[in-house]
């Protein structure tokens, strides 16, 4: 059986169309970054964190004292977008601490005064 031969310009158009369709199926990529808006004391034994994330995922917060000793740790699942979360069990935390927030395997560090 003989193969159907198409002119090369039609083959090129078909290839371009298929390539365009393949590109259209690729999802748009958002940067995978955590953005901390605030971390403040709420009442005597809690903290309030406001943040924004582009994808659903786990968030971990560590407050560090001198020599990187962890004085507070909390982990929670979060949906994408701007969120706020009340973090329990922070009684007695007063002063300045370094924080380490882990989201999607990336660590974000800084300093906070409570």
Protein backbone atom coordinates (compact mmCIF):
# COMPACT_ATOMS: atom_id res chain seq x y z
CA UNK A 1 0.00 0.00 0.00
CA UNK A 2 1.41 3.36 -0.94
CA UNK A 3 1.68 6.04 1.70
CA UNK A 4 -0.15 9.26 1.22
CA UNK A 5 2.40 11.95 0.48
CA UNK A 6 1.62 15.45 1.66
CA UNK A 7 3.52 18.47 0.42
CA UNK A 8 6.21 19.59 2.86
CA UNK A 9 4.53 22.94 3.61
CA UNK A 10 1.38 21.11 4.79
CA UNK A 11 3.52 18.76 6.90
CA UNK A 12 5.18 21.84 8.46
CA UNK A 13 1.78 23.39 9.20
CA UNK A 14 0.55 20.19 10.84
CA UNK A 15 3.74 19.94 12.91
CA UNK A 16 3.36 23.59 13.99
CA UNK A 17 -0.24 23.03 14.95
CA UNK A 18 0.63 19.97 17.05
CA UNK A 19 3.52 21.84 18.72
CA UNK A 20 1.20 24.76 19.53
CA UNK A 21 -1.37 22.44 21.05
CA UNK A 22 1.32 20.80 23.19
CA UNK A 23 2.45 24.21 24.48
CA UNK A 24 -1.12 25.24 25.25
CA UNK A 25 -1.45 22.22 27.58
CA UNK A 26 1.47 23.37 29.76
CA UNK A 27 0.29 25.02 33.01
CA UNK A 28 1.42 28.54 33.78
CA UNK A 29 4.07 28.45 36.47
CA UNK A 30 3.82 30.70 39.50
CA UNK A 31 6.84 31.43 41.63
CA UNK A 32 6.94 29.09 44.60
CA UNK A 33 7.52 31.63 47.35
CA UNK A 34 6.25 32.21 50.87
CA UNK A 35 5.48 35.82 51.82
CA UNK A 36 5.25 36.67 55.53
CA UNK A 37 3.01 39.66 56.22
CA UNK A 38 3.19 39.64 60.03
CA UNK A 39 4.01 37.52 63.04
CA UNK A 40 2.65 39.03 66.27
CA UNK A 41 1.67 38.07 69.80
CA UNK A 42 -2.03 37.42 70.35
CA UNK A 43 -3.05 37.26 73.97
CA UNK A 44 -0.86 35.61 76.58
CA UNK A 45 -0.35 32.20 75.05
CA UNK A 46 -0.72 32.55 71.28
CA UNK A 47 0.80 33.99 68.15
CA UNK A 48 -0.90 35.28 65.00
CA UNK A 49 0.80 34.77 61.65
CA UNK A 50 -0.39 36.37 58.40
CA UNK A 51 1.14 35.10 55.18
CA UNK A 52 0.57 34.34 51.50
CA UNK A 53 1.45 31.18 49.56
CA UNK A 54 0.87 30.34 45.87
CA UNK A 55 0.08 26.61 46.34
CA UNK A 56 -1.47 24.36 48.98
CA UNK A 57 1.15 22.87 51.28
CA UNK A 58 2.65 22.36 54.70
CA UNK A 59 4.09 25.32 56.58
CA UNK A 60 6.53 24.96 59.49
CA UNK A 61 7.52 27.73 61.87
CA UNK A 62 10.50 27.57 64.20
CA UNK A 63 11.44 30.32 66.61
CA UNK A 64 15.13 30.16 67.45
CA UNK A 65 17.00 31.48 70.46
CA UNK A 66 20.77 31.75 70.83
CA UNK A 67 22.90 29.05 69.21
CA UNK A 68 19.98 27.98 66.99
CA UNK A 69 18.08 26.27 69.80
CA UNK A 70 14.41 25.85 68.90
CA UNK A 71 12.12 27.46 71.51
CA UNK A 72 8.89 27.10 69.52
CA UNK A 73 7.81 24.80 66.69
CA UNK A 74 4.45 24.49 64.93
CA UNK A 75 3.48 22.79 61.66
CA UNK A 76 0.18 23.04 59.80
CA UNK A 77 -1.38 22.38 56.37
CA UNK A 78 -2.45 25.48 54.49
CA UNK A 79 -4.48 26.32 51.41
CA UNK A 80 -3.11 28.72 48.82
CA UNK A 81 -3.71 32.45 49.00
CA UNK A 82 -3.58 35.00 51.81
CA UNK A 83 -4.09 33.33 55.15
CA UNK A 84 -3.89 33.99 58.85
CA UNK A 85 -3.40 31.37 61.52
CA UNK A 86 -3.48 31.45 65.29
CA UNK A 87 -0.59 29.45 66.68
CA UNK A 88 -1.11 27.98 70.17
CA UNK A 89 1.32 27.25 72.94
CA UNK A 90 3.54 30.31 72.80
CA UNK A 91 3.15 31.19 76.47
CA UNK A 92 6.16 32.89 77.94
CA UNK A 93 7.74 33.86 74.63
CA UNK A 94 8.88 37.45 74.98
CA UNK A 95 11.81 39.13 73.37
CA UNK A 96 13.54 38.95 70.01
CA UNK A 97 13.83 35.67 68.16
CA UNK A 98 15.04 34.53 64.79
CA UNK A 99 12.49 32.58 62.81
CA UNK A 100 12.80 29.87 60.20
CA UNK A 101 9.72 29.16 58.09
CA UNK A 102 9.81 26.11 55.81
CA UNK A 103 7.43 25.90 52.85
CA UNK A 104 7.81 23.43 49.95
CA UNK A 105 11.35 22.58 51.07
CA UNK A 106 12.56 26.20 51.01
CA UNK A 107 13.55 27.98 54.22
CA UNK A 108 12.71 31.62 54.84
CA UNK A 109 14.51 33.31 57.71
CA UNK A 110 14.29 36.58 59.56
CA UNK A 111 13.91 38.15 62.99
CA UNK A 112 10.82 39.03 65.02
CA UNK A 113 10.21 40.76 68.35
CA UNK A 114 7.31 39.46 70.42
